[in-house]
mmCIF file of all heavy atoms, coordinates in Angstrom:
data_MODEL
# 
_entry.id   MODEL 
# 
loop_
_atom_site.group_PDB 
_atom_site.id 
_atom_site.type_symbol 
_atom_site.label_atom_id 
_atom_site.label_alt_id 
_atom_site.label_comp_id 
_atom_site.label_asym_id 
_atom_site.label_entity_id 
_atom_site.label_seq_id 
_atom_site.pdbx_PDB_ins_code 
_atom_site.Cartn_x 
_atom_site.Cartn_y 
_atom_site.Cartn_z 
_atom_site.occupancy 
_atom_site.B_iso_or_equiv 
_atom_site.pdbx_formal_charge 
_atom_site.auth_seq_id 
_atom_site.auth_comp_id 
_atom_site.auth_asym_id 
_atom_site.auth_atom_id 
_atom_site.pdbx_PDB_model_num 
ATOM 1   N N   . TRP A 1 1  ? 84.772 -111.180 -146.688 1.00 0.00 ? 1  TRP A N   1 
ATOM 2   C CA  . TRP A 1 1  ? 85.326 -112.176 -147.612 1.00 0.00 ? 1  TRP A CA  1 
ATOM 3   C C   . TRP A 1 1  ? 86.783 -111.932 -147.944 1.00 0.00 ? 1  TRP A C   1 
ATOM 4   O O   . TRP A 1 1  ? 87.400 -112.692 -148.683 1.00 0.00 ? 1  TRP A O   1 
ATOM 5   C CB  . TRP A 1 1  ? 84.490 -112.240 -148.893 1.00 0.00 ? 1  TRP A CB  1 
ATOM 6   C CG  . TRP A 1 1  ? 83.070 -112.626 -148.614 1.00 0.00 ? 1  TRP A CG  1 
ATOM 7   C CD1 . TRP A 1 1  ? 81.962 -111.825 -148.708 1.00 0.00 ? 1  TRP A CD1 1 
ATOM 8   C CD2 . TRP A 1 1  ? 82.581 -113.894 -148.165 1.00 0.00 ? 1  TRP A CD2 1 
ATOM 9   N NE1 . TRP A 1 1  ? 80.842 -112.515 -148.341 1.00 0.00 ? 1  TRP A NE1 1 
ATOM 10  C CE2 . TRP A 1 1  ? 81.191 -113.790 -147.997 1.00 0.00 ? 1  TRP A CE2 1 
ATOM 11  C CE3 . TRP A 1 1  ? 83.195 -115.099 -147.868 1.00 0.00 ? 1  TRP A CE3 1 
ATOM 12  C CZ2 . TRP A 1 1  ? 80.405 -114.856 -147.565 1.00 0.00 ? 1  TRP A CZ2 1 
ATOM 13  C CZ3 . TRP A 1 1  ? 82.415 -116.161 -147.435 1.00 0.00 ? 1  TRP A CZ3 1 
ATOM 14  C CH2 . TRP A 1 1  ? 81.034 -116.026 -147.289 1.00 0.00 ? 1  TRP A CH2 1 
ATOM 15  N N   . GLY A 1 2  ? 87.376 -110.855 -147.422 1.00 0.00 ? 2  GLY A N   1 
ATOM 16  C CA  . GLY A 1 2  ? 88.807 -110.612 -147.574 1.00 0.00 ? 2  GLY A CA  1 
ATOM 17  C C   . GLY A 1 2  ? 89.264 -110.145 -148.941 1.00 0.00 ? 2  GLY A C   1 
ATOM 18  O O   . GLY A 1 2  ? 90.447 -110.205 -149.254 1.00 0.00 ? 2  GLY A O   1 
ATOM 19  N N   . MET A 1 3  ? 88.351 -109.666 -149.759 1.00 0.00 ? 3  MET A N   1 
ATOM 20  C CA  . MET A 1 3  ? 88.746 -109.152 -151.074 1.00 0.00 ? 3  MET A CA  1 
ATOM 21  C C   . MET A 1 3  ? 89.355 -107.763 -150.923 1.00 0.00 ? 3  MET A C   1 
ATOM 22  O O   . MET A 1 3  ? 89.052 -107.041 -149.982 1.00 0.00 ? 3  MET A O   1 
ATOM 23  C CB  . MET A 1 3  ? 87.525 -109.038 -151.991 1.00 0.00 ? 3  MET A CB  1 
ATOM 24  C CG  . MET A 1 3  ? 86.899 -110.332 -152.382 1.00 0.00 ? 3  MET A CG  1 
ATOM 25  S SD  . MET A 1 3  ? 85.500 -110.014 -153.505 1.00 0.00 ? 3  MET A SD  1 
ATOM 26  C CE  . MET A 1 3  ? 84.696 -111.605 -153.417 1.00 0.00 ? 3  MET A CE  1 
ATOM 27  N N   . THR A 1 4  ? 90.213 -107.399 -151.865 1.00 0.00 ? 4  THR A N   1 
ATOM 28  C CA  . THR A 1 4  ? 90.658 -106.006 -151.938 1.00 0.00 ? 4  THR A CA  1 
ATOM 29  C C   . THR A 1 4  ? 89.518 -105.210 -152.569 1.00 0.00 ? 4  THR A C   1 
ATOM 30  O O   . THR A 1 4  ? 88.643 -105.796 -153.245 1.00 0.00 ? 4  THR A O   1 
ATOM 31  C CB  . THR A 1 4  ? 91.917 -105.862 -152.815 1.00 0.00 ? 4  THR A CB  1 
ATOM 32  O OG1 . THR A 1 4  ? 91.569 -106.172 -154.170 1.00 0.00 ? 4  THR A OG1 1 
ATOM 33  C CG2 . THR A 1 4  ? 93.056 -106.750 -152.320 1.00 0.00 ? 4  THR A CG2 1 
ATOM 34  N N   . PRO A 1 5  ? 89.493 -103.887 -152.397 1.00 0.00 ? 5  PRO A N   1 
ATOM 35  C CA  . PRO A 1 5  ? 88.456 -103.106 -153.066 1.00 0.00 ? 5  PRO A CA  1 
ATOM 36  C C   . PRO A 1 5  ? 88.456 -103.325 -154.583 1.00 0.00 ? 5  PRO A C   1 
ATOM 37  O O   . PRO A 1 5  ? 87.406 -103.390 -155.213 1.00 0.00 ? 5  PRO A O   1 
ATOM 38  C CB  . PRO A 1 5  ? 88.796 -101.661 -152.700 1.00 0.00 ? 5  PRO A CB  1 
ATOM 39  C CG  . PRO A 1 5  ? 89.483 -101.778 -151.387 1.00 0.00 ? 5  PRO A CG  1 
ATOM 40  C CD  . PRO A 1 5  ? 90.288 -103.057 -151.488 1.00 0.00 ? 5  PRO A CD  1 
ATOM 41  N N   . GLY A 1 6  ? 89.645 -103.460 -155.172 1.00 0.00 ? 6  GLY A N   1 
ATOM 42  C CA  . GLY A 1 6  ? 89.730 -103.697 -156.611 1.00 0.00 ? 6  GLY A CA  1 
ATOM 43  C C   . GLY A 1 6  ? 89.095 -105.008 -157.036 1.00 0.00 ? 6  GLY A C   1 
ATOM 44  O O   . GLY A 1 6  ? 88.427 -105.078 -158.071 1.00 0.00 ? 6  GLY A O   1 
ATOM 45  N N   . GLU A 1 7  ? 89.297 -106.060 -156.248 1.00 0.00 ? 7  GLU A N   1 
ATOM 46  C CA  . GLU A 1 7  ? 88.655 -107.342 -156.543 1.00 0.00 ? 7  GLU A CA  1 
ATOM 47  C C   . GLU A 1 7  ? 87.143 -107.236 -156.370 1.00 0.00 ? 7  GLU A C   1 
ATOM 48  O O   . GLU A 1 7  ? 86.371 -107.766 -157.159 1.00 0.00 ? 7  GLU A O   1 
ATOM 49  C CB  . GLU A 1 7  ? 89.187 -108.435 -155.621 1.00 0.00 ? 7  GLU A CB  1 
ATOM 50  C CG  . GLU A 1 7  ? 90.630 -108.801 -155.860 1.00 0.00 ? 7  GLU A CG  1 
ATOM 51  C CD  . GLU A 1 7  ? 91.218 -109.659 -154.744 1.00 0.00 ? 7  GLU A CD  1 
ATOM 52  O OE1 . GLU A 1 7  ? 90.749 -109.597 -153.586 1.00 0.00 ? 7  GLU A OE1 1 
ATOM 53  O OE2 . GLU A 1 7  ? 92.167 -110.396 -155.058 1.00 0.00 ? 7  GLU A OE2 1 
ATOM 54  N N   . SER A 1 8  ? 86.739 -106.528 -155.337 1.00 0.00 ? 8  SER A N   1 
ATOM 55  C CA  . SER A 1 8  ? 85.318 -106.436 -155.021 1.00 0.00 ? 8  SER A CA  1 
ATOM 56  C C   . SER A 1 8  ? 84.514 -105.736 -156.114 1.00 0.00 ? 8  SER A C   1 
ATOM 57  O O   . SER A 1 8  ? 83.458 -106.218 -156.510 1.00 0.00 ? 8  SER A O   1 
ATOM 58  C CB  . SER A 1 8  ? 85.123 -105.711 -153.687 1.00 0.00 ? 8  SER A CB  1 
ATOM 59  O OG  . SER A 1 8  ? 83.752 -105.620 -153.376 1.00 0.00 ? 8  SER A OG  1 
ATOM 60  N N   . VAL A 1 9  ? 85.007 -104.589 -156.594 1.00 0.00 ? 9  VAL A N   1 
ATOM 61  C CA  . VAL A 1 9  ? 84.219 -103.845 -157.588 1.00 0.00 ? 9  VAL A CA  1 
ATOM 62  C C   . VAL A 1 9  ? 84.132 -104.569 -158.929 1.00 0.00 ? 9  VAL A C   1 
ATOM 63  O O   . VAL A 1 9  ? 83.321 -104.197 -159.778 1.00 0.00 ? 9  VAL A O   1 
ATOM 64  C CB  . VAL A 1 9  ? 84.722 -102.393 -157.785 1.00 0.00 ? 9  VAL A CB  1 
ATOM 65  C CG1 . VAL A 1 9  ? 84.588 -101.602 -156.503 1.00 0.00 ? 9  VAL A CG1 1 
ATOM 66  C CG2 . VAL A 1 9  ? 86.144 -102.355 -158.326 1.00 0.00 ? 9  VAL A CG2 1 
ATOM 67  N N   . GLN A 1 10 ? 84.939 -105.603 -159.114 1.00 0.00 ? 10 GLN A N   1 
ATOM 68  C CA  . GLN A 1 10 ? 84.884 -106.407 -160.340 1.00 0.00 ? 10 GLN A CA  1 
ATOM 69  C C   . GLN A 1 10 ? 83.808 -107.494 -160.268 1.00 0.00 ? 10 GLN A C   1 
ATOM 70  O O   . GLN A 1 10 ? 83.492 -108.125 -161.278 1.00 0.00 ? 10 GLN A O   1 
ATOM 71  C CB  . GLN A 1 10 ? 86.238 -107.065 -160.609 1.00 0.00 ? 10 GLN A CB  1 
ATOM 72  C CG  . GLN A 1 10 ? 87.368 -106.094 -160.825 1.00 0.00 ? 10 GLN A CG  1 
ATOM 73  C CD  . GLN A 1 10 ? 87.238 -105.316 -162.122 1.00 0.00 ? 10 GLN A CD  1 
ATOM 74  O OE1 . GLN A 1 10 ? 86.710 -105.807 -163.111 1.00 0.00 ? 10 GLN A OE1 1 
ATOM 75  N NE2 . GLN A 1 10 ? 87.712 -104.089 -162.123 1.00 0.00 ? 10 GLN A NE2 1 
ATOM 76  N N   . GLN A 1 11 ? 83.244 -107.739 -159.096 1.00 0.00 ? 11 GLN A N   1 
ATOM 77  C CA  . GLN A 1 11 ? 82.272 -108.822 -158.906 1.00 0.00 ? 11 GLN A CA  1 
ATOM 78  C C   . GLN A 1 11 ? 80.905 -108.448 -159.483 1.00 0.00 ? 11 GLN A C   1 
ATOM 79  O O   . GLN A 1 11 ? 80.509 -107.291 -159.432 1.00 0.00 ? 11 GLN A O   1 
ATOM 80  C CB  . GLN A 1 11 ? 82.112 -109.137 -157.412 1.00 0.00 ? 11 GLN A CB  1 
ATOM 81  C CG  . GLN A 1 11 ? 83.380 -109.560 -156.723 1.00 0.00 ? 11 GLN A CG  1 
ATOM 82  C CD  . GLN A 1 11 ? 84.008 -110.776 -157.363 1.00 0.00 ? 11 GLN A CD  1 
ATOM 83  O OE1 . GLN A 1 11 ? 83.344 -111.791 -157.561 1.00 0.00 ? 11 GLN A OE1 1 
ATOM 84  N NE2 . GLN A 1 11 ? 85.281 -110.687 -157.675 1.00 0.00 ? 11 GLN A NE2 1 
ATOM 85  N N   . PRO A 1 12 ? 80.170 -109.431 -160.009 1.00 0.00 ? 12 PRO A N   1 
ATOM 86  C CA  . PRO A 1 12 ? 78.800 -109.176 -160.448 1.00 0.00 ? 12 PRO A CA  1 
ATOM 87  C C   . PRO A 1 12 ? 77.940 -108.736 -159.264 1.00 0.00 ? 12 PRO A C   1 
ATOM 88  O O   . PRO A 1 12 ? 78.152 -109.189 -158.135 1.00 0.00 ? 12 PRO A O   1 
ATOM 89  C CB  . PRO A 1 12 ? 78.329 -110.530 -160.975 1.00 0.00 ? 12 PRO A CB  1 
ATOM 90  C CG  . PRO A 1 12 ? 79.561 -111.316 -161.227 1.00 0.00 ? 12 PRO A CG  1 
ATOM 91  C CD  . PRO A 1 12 ? 80.583 -110.819 -160.241 1.00 0.00 ? 12 PRO A CD  1 
ATOM 92  N N   . MET A 1 13 ? 76.983 -107.869 -159.525 1.00 0.00 ? 13 MET A N   1 
ATOM 93  C CA  . MET A 1 13 ? 76.152 -107.295 -158.476 1.00 0.00 ? 13 MET A CA  1 
ATOM 94  C C   . MET A 1 13 ? 74.668 -107.562 -158.719 1.00 0.00 ? 13 MET A C   1 
ATOM 95  O O   . MET A 1 13 ? 74.246 -107.907 -159.811 1.00 0.00 ? 13 MET A O   1 
ATOM 96  C CB  . MET A 1 13 ? 76.356 -105.778 -158.415 1.00 0.00 ? 13 MET A CB  1 
ATOM 97  C CG  . MET A 1 13 ? 77.747 -105.352 -158.045 1.00 0.00 ? 13 MET A CG  1 
ATOM 98  S SD  . MET A 1 13 ? 78.042 -105.582 -156.287 1.00 0.00 ? 13 MET A SD  1 
ATOM 99  C CE  . MET A 1 13 ? 79.788 -105.874 -156.294 1.00 0.00 ? 13 MET A CE  1 
ATOM 100 N N   . PHE A 1 14 ? 73.880 -107.361 -157.661 1.00 0.00 ? 14 PHE A N   1 
ATOM 101 C CA  . PHE A 1 14 ? 72.425 -107.382 -157.764 1.00 0.00 ? 14 PHE A CA  1 
ATOM 102 C C   . PHE A 1 14 ? 71.915 -106.062 -157.212 1.00 0.00 ? 14 PHE A C   1 
ATOM 103 O O   . PHE A 1 14 ? 72.639 -105.336 -156.536 1.00 0.00 ? 14 PHE A O   1 
ATOM 104 C CB  . PHE A 1 14 ? 71.818 -108.559 -156.998 1.00 0.00 ? 14 PHE A CB  1 
ATOM 105 C CG  . PHE A 1 14 ? 72.106 -108.554 -155.527 1.00 0.00 ? 14 PHE A CG  1 
ATOM 106 C CD1 . PHE A 1 14 ? 71.309 -107.829 -154.648 1.00 0.00 ? 14 PHE A CD1 1 
ATOM 107 C CD2 . PHE A 1 14 ? 73.181 -109.255 -155.015 1.00 0.00 ? 14 PHE A CD2 1 
ATOM 108 C CE1 . PHE A 1 14 ? 71.579 -107.806 -153.291 1.00 0.00 ? 14 PHE A CE1 1 
ATOM 109 C CE2 . PHE A 1 14 ? 73.457 -109.248 -153.659 1.00 0.00 ? 14 PHE A CE2 1 
ATOM 110 C CZ  . PHE A 1 14 ? 72.655 -108.513 -152.792 1.00 0.00 ? 14 PHE A CZ  1 
ATOM 111 N N   . GLY A 1 15 ? 70.667 -105.732 -157.528 1.00 0.00 ? 15 GLY A N   1 
ATOM 112 C CA  . GLY A 1 15 ? 70.125 -104.472 -157.031 1.00 0.00 ? 15 GLY A CA  1 
ATOM 113 C C   . GLY A 1 15 ? 68.625 -104.378 -157.158 1.00 0.00 ? 15 GLY A C   1 
ATOM 114 O O   . GLY A 1 15 ? 67.965 -105.274 -157.693 1.00 0.00 ? 15 GLY A O   1 
ATOM 115 N N   . ALA A 1 16 ? 68.110 -103.283 -156.658 1.00 0.00 ? 16 ALA A N   1 
ATOM 116 C CA  . ALA A 1 16 ? 66.669 -103.022 -156.677 1.00 0.00 ? 16 ALA A CA  1 
ATOM 117 C C   . ALA A 1 16 ? 66.334 -102.122 -157.859 1.00 0.00 ? 16 ALA A C   1 
ATOM 118 O O   . ALA A 1 16 ? 67.087 -101.218 -158.188 1.00 0.00 ? 16 ALA A O   1 
ATOM 119 C CB  . ALA A 1 16 ? 66.250 -102.339 -155.377 1.00 0.00 ? 16 ALA A CB  1 
ATOM 120 N N   . PRO A 1 17 ? 65.189 -102.357 -158.482 1.00 0.00 ? 17 PRO A N   1 
ATOM 121 C CA  . PRO A 1 17 ? 64.778 -101.494 -159.583 1.00 0.00 ? 17 PRO A CA  1 
ATOM 122 C C   . PRO A 1 17 ? 64.316 -100.133 -159.066 1.00 0.00 ? 17 PRO A C   1 
ATOM 123 O O   . PRO A 1 17 ? 63.951 -99.995  -157.898 1.00 0.00 ? 17 PRO A O   1 
ATOM 124 C CB  . PRO A 1 17 ? 63.622 -102.263 -160.212 1.00 0.00 ? 17 PRO A CB  1 
ATOM 125 C CG  . PRO A 1 17 ? 63.052 -103.044 -159.088 1.00 0.00 ? 17 PRO A CG  1 
ATOM 126 C CD  . PRO A 1 17 ? 64.217 -103.402 -158.212 1.00 0.00 ? 17 PRO A CD  1 
ATOM 127 N N   . LEU A 1 18 ? 64.328 -99.145  -159.935 1.00 0.00 ? 18 LEU A N   1 
ATOM 128 C CA  . LEU A 1 18 ? 63.873 -97.809  -159.581 1.00 0.00 ? 18 LEU A CA  1 
ATOM 129 C C   . LEU A 1 18 ? 62.383 -97.804  -159.252 1.00 0.00 ? 18 LEU A C   1 
ATOM 130 O O   . LEU A 1 18 ? 61.939 -97.106  -158.356 1.00 0.00 ? 18 LEU A O   1 
ATOM 131 C CB  . LEU A 1 18 ? 64.179 -96.839  -160.724 1.00 0.00 ? 18 LEU A CB  1 
ATOM 132 C CG  . LEU A 1 18 ? 63.923 -95.367  -160.468 1.00 0.00 ? 18 LEU A CG  1 
ATOM 133 C CD1 . LEU A 1 18 ? 64.706 -94.872  -159.260 1.00 0.00 ? 18 LEU A CD1 1 
ATOM 134 C CD2 . LEU A 1 18 ? 64.301 -94.548  -161.694 1.00 0.00 ? 18 LEU A CD2 1 
ATOM 135 N N   . TYR A 1 19 ? 61.623 -98.606  -159.981 1.00 0.00 ? 19 TYR A N   1 
ATOM 136 C CA  . TYR A 1 19 ? 60.177 -98.666  -159.767 1.00 0.00 ? 19 TYR A CA  1 
ATOM 137 C C   . TYR A 1 19 ? 59.829 -99.938  -159.012 1.00 0.00 ? 19 TYR A C   1 
ATOM 138 O O   . TYR A 1 19 ? 60.241 -101.031 -159.399 1.00 0.00 ? 19 TYR A O   1 
ATOM 139 C CB  . TYR A 1 19 ? 59.449 -98.607  -161.107 1.00 0.00 ? 19 TYR A CB  1 
ATOM 140 C CG  . TYR A 1 19 ? 59.785 -97.352  -161.865 1.00 0.00 ? 19 TYR A CG  1 
ATOM 141 C CD1 . TYR A 1 19 ? 60.702 -97.380  -162.909 1.00 0.00 ? 19 TYR A CD1 1 
ATOM 142 C CD2 . TYR A 1 19 ? 59.226 -96.147  -161.497 1.00 0.00 ? 19 TYR A CD2 1 
ATOM 143 C CE1 . TYR A 1 19 ? 61.042 -96.220  -163.584 1.00 0.00 ? 19 TYR A CE1 1 
ATOM 144 C CE2 . TYR A 1 19 ? 59.558 -94.978  -162.160 1.00 0.00 ? 19 TYR A CE2 1 
ATOM 145 C CZ  . TYR A 1 19 ? 60.463 -95.016  -163.203 1.00 0.00 ? 19 TYR A CZ  1 
ATOM 146 O OH  . TYR A 1 19 ? 60.807 -93.866  -163.858 1.00 0.00 ? 19 TYR A OH  1 
ATOM 147 N N   . PRO A 1 20 ? 59.073 -99.844  -157.927 1.00 0.00 ? 20 PRO A N   1 
ATOM 148 C CA  . PRO A 1 20 ? 58.812 -101.008 -157.069 1.00 0.00 ? 20 PRO A CA  1 
ATOM 149 C C   . PRO A 1 20 ? 58.016 -102.137 -157.732 1.00 0.00 ? 20 PRO A C   1 
ATOM 150 O O   . PRO A 1 20 ? 58.029 -103.252 -157.240 1.00 0.00 ? 20 PRO A O   1 
ATOM 151 C CB  . PRO A 1 20 ? 58.044 -100.417 -155.883 1.00 0.00 ? 20 PRO A CB  1 
ATOM 152 C CG  . PRO A 1 20 ? 57.602 -99.078  -156.309 1.00 0.00 ? 20 PRO A CG  1 
ATOM 153 C CD  . PRO A 1 20 ? 58.468 -98.630  -157.433 1.00 0.00 ? 20 PRO A CD  1 
ATOM 154 N N   . ASN A 1 21 ? 57.358 -101.893 -158.838 1.00 0.00 ? 21 ASN A N   1 
ATOM 155 C CA  . ASN A 1 21 ? 56.576 -102.958 -159.471 1.00 0.00 ? 21 ASN A CA  1 
ATOM 156 C C   . ASN A 1 21 ? 57.419 -103.803 -160.423 1.00 0.00 ? 21 ASN A C   1 
ATOM 157 O O   . ASN A 1 21 ? 56.890 -104.675 -161.091 1.00 0.00 ? 21 ASN A O   1 
ATOM 158 C CB  . ASN A 1 21 ? 55.375 -102.363 -160.207 1.00 0.00 ? 21 ASN A CB  1 
ATOM 159 C CG  . ASN A 1 21 ? 55.785 -101.419 -161.332 1.00 0.00 ? 21 ASN A CG  1 
ATOM 160 O OD1 . ASN A 1 21 ? 56.905 -100.927 -161.355 1.00 0.00 ? 21 ASN A OD1 1 
ATOM 161 N ND2 . ASN A 1 21 ? 54.877 -101.160 -162.237 1.00 0.00 ? 21 ASN A ND2 1 
ATOM 162 N N   . GLN A 1 22 ? 58.718 -103.562 -160.484 1.00 0.00 ? 22 GLN A N   1 
ATOM 163 C CA  . GLN A 1 22 ? 59.597 -104.345 -161.341 1.00 0.00 ? 22 GLN A CA  1 
ATOM 164 C C   . GLN A 1 22 ? 60.367 -105.370 -160.512 1.00 0.00 ? 22 GLN A C   1 
ATOM 165 O O   . GLN A 1 22 ? 60.494 -105.251 -159.305 1.00 0.00 ? 22 GLN A O   1 
ATOM 166 C CB  . GLN A 1 22 ? 60.571 -103.431 -162.080 1.00 0.00 ? 22 GLN A CB  1 
ATOM 167 C CG  . GLN A 1 22 ? 59.883 -102.516 -163.062 1.00 0.00 ? 22 GLN A CG  1 
ATOM 168 C CD  . GLN A 1 22 ? 60.891 -101.630 -163.785 1.00 0.00 ? 22 GLN A CD  1 
ATOM 169 O OE1 . GLN A 1 22 ? 62.087 -101.662 -163.516 1.00 0.00 ? 22 GLN A OE1 1 
ATOM 170 N NE2 . GLN A 1 22 ? 60.392 -100.822 -164.705 1.00 0.00 ? 22 GLN A NE2 1 
ATOM 171 N N   . ARG A 1 23 ? 60.888 -106.376 -161.211 1.00 0.00 ? 23 ARG A N   1 
ATOM 172 C CA  . ARG A 1 23 ? 61.651 -107.438 -160.546 1.00 0.00 ? 23 ARG A CA  1 
ATOM 173 C C   . ARG A 1 23 ? 63.024 -106.936 -160.116 1.00 0.00 ? 23 ARG A C   1 
ATOM 174 O O   . ARG A 1 23 ? 63.583 -106.044 -160.734 1.00 0.00 ? 23 ARG A O   1 
ATOM 175 C CB  . ARG A 1 23 ? 61.826 -108.614 -161.499 1.00 0.00 ? 23 ARG A CB  1 
ATOM 176 C CG  . ARG A 1 23 ? 60.516 -109.312 -161.818 1.00 0.00 ? 23 ARG A CG  1 
ATOM 177 C CD  . ARG A 1 23 ? 60.736 -110.464 -162.742 1.00 0.00 ? 23 ARG A CD  1 
ATOM 178 N NE  . ARG A 1 23 ? 60.999 -109.913 -164.084 1.00 0.00 ? 23 ARG A NE  1 
ATOM 179 C CZ  . ARG A 1 23 ? 61.448 -110.615 -165.107 1.00 0.00 ? 23 ARG A CZ  1 
ATOM 180 N NH1 . ARG A 1 23 ? 61.696 -111.890 -164.972 1.00 0.00 ? 23 ARG A NH1 1 
ATOM 181 N NH2 . ARG A 1 23 ? 61.647 -110.060 -166.266 1.00 0.00 ? 23 ARG A NH2 1 
ATOM 182 N N   . PRO A 1 24 ? 63.601 -107.542 -159.066 1.00 0.00 ? 24 PRO A N   1 
ATOM 183 C CA  . PRO A 1 24 ? 64.976 -107.207 -158.683 1.00 0.00 ? 24 PRO A CA  1 
ATOM 184 C C   . PRO A 1 24 ? 65.915 -107.470 -159.862 1.00 0.00 ? 24 PRO A C   1 
ATOM 185 O O   . PRO A 1 24 ? 65.673 -108.366 -160.671 1.00 0.00 ? 24 PRO A O   1 
ATOM 186 C CB  . PRO A 1 24 ? 65.279 -108.165 -157.532 1.00 0.00 ? 24 PRO A CB  1 
ATOM 187 C CG  . PRO A 1 24 ? 63.958 -108.606 -157.026 1.00 0.00 ? 24 PRO A CG  1 
ATOM 188 C CD  . PRO A 1 24 ? 63.024 -108.565 -158.195 1.00 0.00 ? 24 PRO A CD  1 
# 
């Protein structure tokens, strides 16, 4: 997407929960 690293780390993120029975 051509972002600088500084622009990128400012973006909202998604992730996986620590426990598999929880929602992303």
